[in-house]
């Protein structure tokens, strides 16, 4: 367990903030890469994407209907 006193609290906060920012940057980079991949797939295969979207919409509607 880490003992934190007033002298090193700012250092610990800065360290935690840095780790959070690194994780956020990593997540944003992965999301952007995934978005570019999906966009490229959609441009190359528009009818397949329409079918996937239709299937996802039907599945979501069916799941929502069954919960009511």
Protein backbone atom coordinates (compact mmCIF):
# COMPACT_ATOMS: atom_id res chain seq x y z
CA UNK A 1 0.00 0.00 0.00
CA UNK A 2 1.27 3.45 -0.87
CA UNK A 3 1.50 5.98 1.92
CA UNK A 4 0.76 9.44 0.64
CA UNK A 5 1.61 12.58 2.53
CA UNK A 6 1.23 16.21 1.56
CA UNK A 7 4.78 16.33 0.19
CA UNK A 8 4.40 13.63 -2.43
CA UNK A 9 0.66 13.81 -3.12
CA UNK A 10 1.17 16.10 -6.13
CA UNK A 11 3.72 13.66 -7.58
CA UNK A 12 1.31 10.75 -7.22
CA UNK A 13 -1.54 12.73 -8.75
CA UNK A 14 0.68 13.71 -11.70
CA UNK A 15 1.74 10.09 -12.17
CA UNK A 16 -1.86 8.84 -12.11
CA UNK A 17 -2.92 11.63 -14.49
CA UNK A 18 -0.15 10.64 -16.90
CA UNK A 19 -1.21 6.99 -16.85
CA UNK A 20 -4.85 7.94 -17.48
CA UNK A 21 -3.87 10.17 -20.39
CA UNK A 22 -1.73 7.38 -21.91
CA UNK A 23 -4.63 4.93 -21.69
CA UNK A 24 -7.03 7.47 -23.19
CA UNK A 25 -4.65 8.25 -26.06
CA UNK A 26 -4.21 4.53 -26.71
CA UNK A 27 -7.98 3.95 -26.73
CA UNK A 28 -8.54 6.90 -29.08
CA UNK A 29 -5.86 5.64 -31.47
CA UNK A 30 -7.46 2.18 -31.55
CA UNK A 31 -10.91 3.70 -32.11
CA UNK A 32 -9.63 5.85 -34.98
CA UNK A 33 -7.88 2.88 -36.59
CA UNK A 34 -11.04 0.77 -36.27
CA UNK A 35 -13.13 3.59 -37.73
CA UNK A 36 -10.83 3.89 -40.74
CA UNK A 37 -10.99 0.12 -41.27
CA UNK A 38 -14.80 0.06 -41.10
CA UNK A 39 -15.01 3.08 -43.41
CA UNK A 40 -12.76 1.41 -45.99
CA UNK A 41 -14.81 -1.82 -45.79
CA UNK A 42 -18.07 0.12 -46.18
CA UNK A 43 -16.78 1.91 -49.27
CA UNK A 44 -15.63 -1.35 -50.85
CA UNK A 45 -18.71 -3.39 -49.86
CA UNK A 46 -21.74 -1.09 -49.52
CA UNK A 47 -24.36 -3.84 -49.94
CA UNK A 48 -22.72 -6.06 -47.35
CA UNK A 49 -22.65 -3.14 -44.91
CA UNK A 50 -26.33 -2.49 -45.59
CA UNK A 51 -27.06 -6.15 -44.83
CA UNK A 52 -25.00 -6.04 -41.64
CA UNK A 53 -26.79 -2.86 -40.52
CA UNK A 54 -30.18 -4.40 -41.30
CA UNK A 55 -29.33 -7.56 -39.36
CA UNK A 56 -28.04 -5.58 -36.38
CA UNK A 57 -31.18 -3.44 -36.39
CA UNK A 58 -33.46 -6.47 -36.54
CA UNK A 59 -31.56 -8.18 -33.73
CA UNK A 60 -31.67 -5.06 -31.56
CA UNK A 61 -35.39 -4.62 -32.21
CA UNK A 62 -36.09 -8.26 -31.39
CA UNK A 63 -34.10 -8.05 -28.14
CA UNK A 64 -35.86 -4.85 -27.07
CA UNK A 65 -39.27 -6.30 -27.92
CA UNK A 66 -38.62 -9.44 -25.88
CA UNK A 67 -37.57 -7.45 -22.78
CA UNK A 68 -40.88 -5.61 -22.64
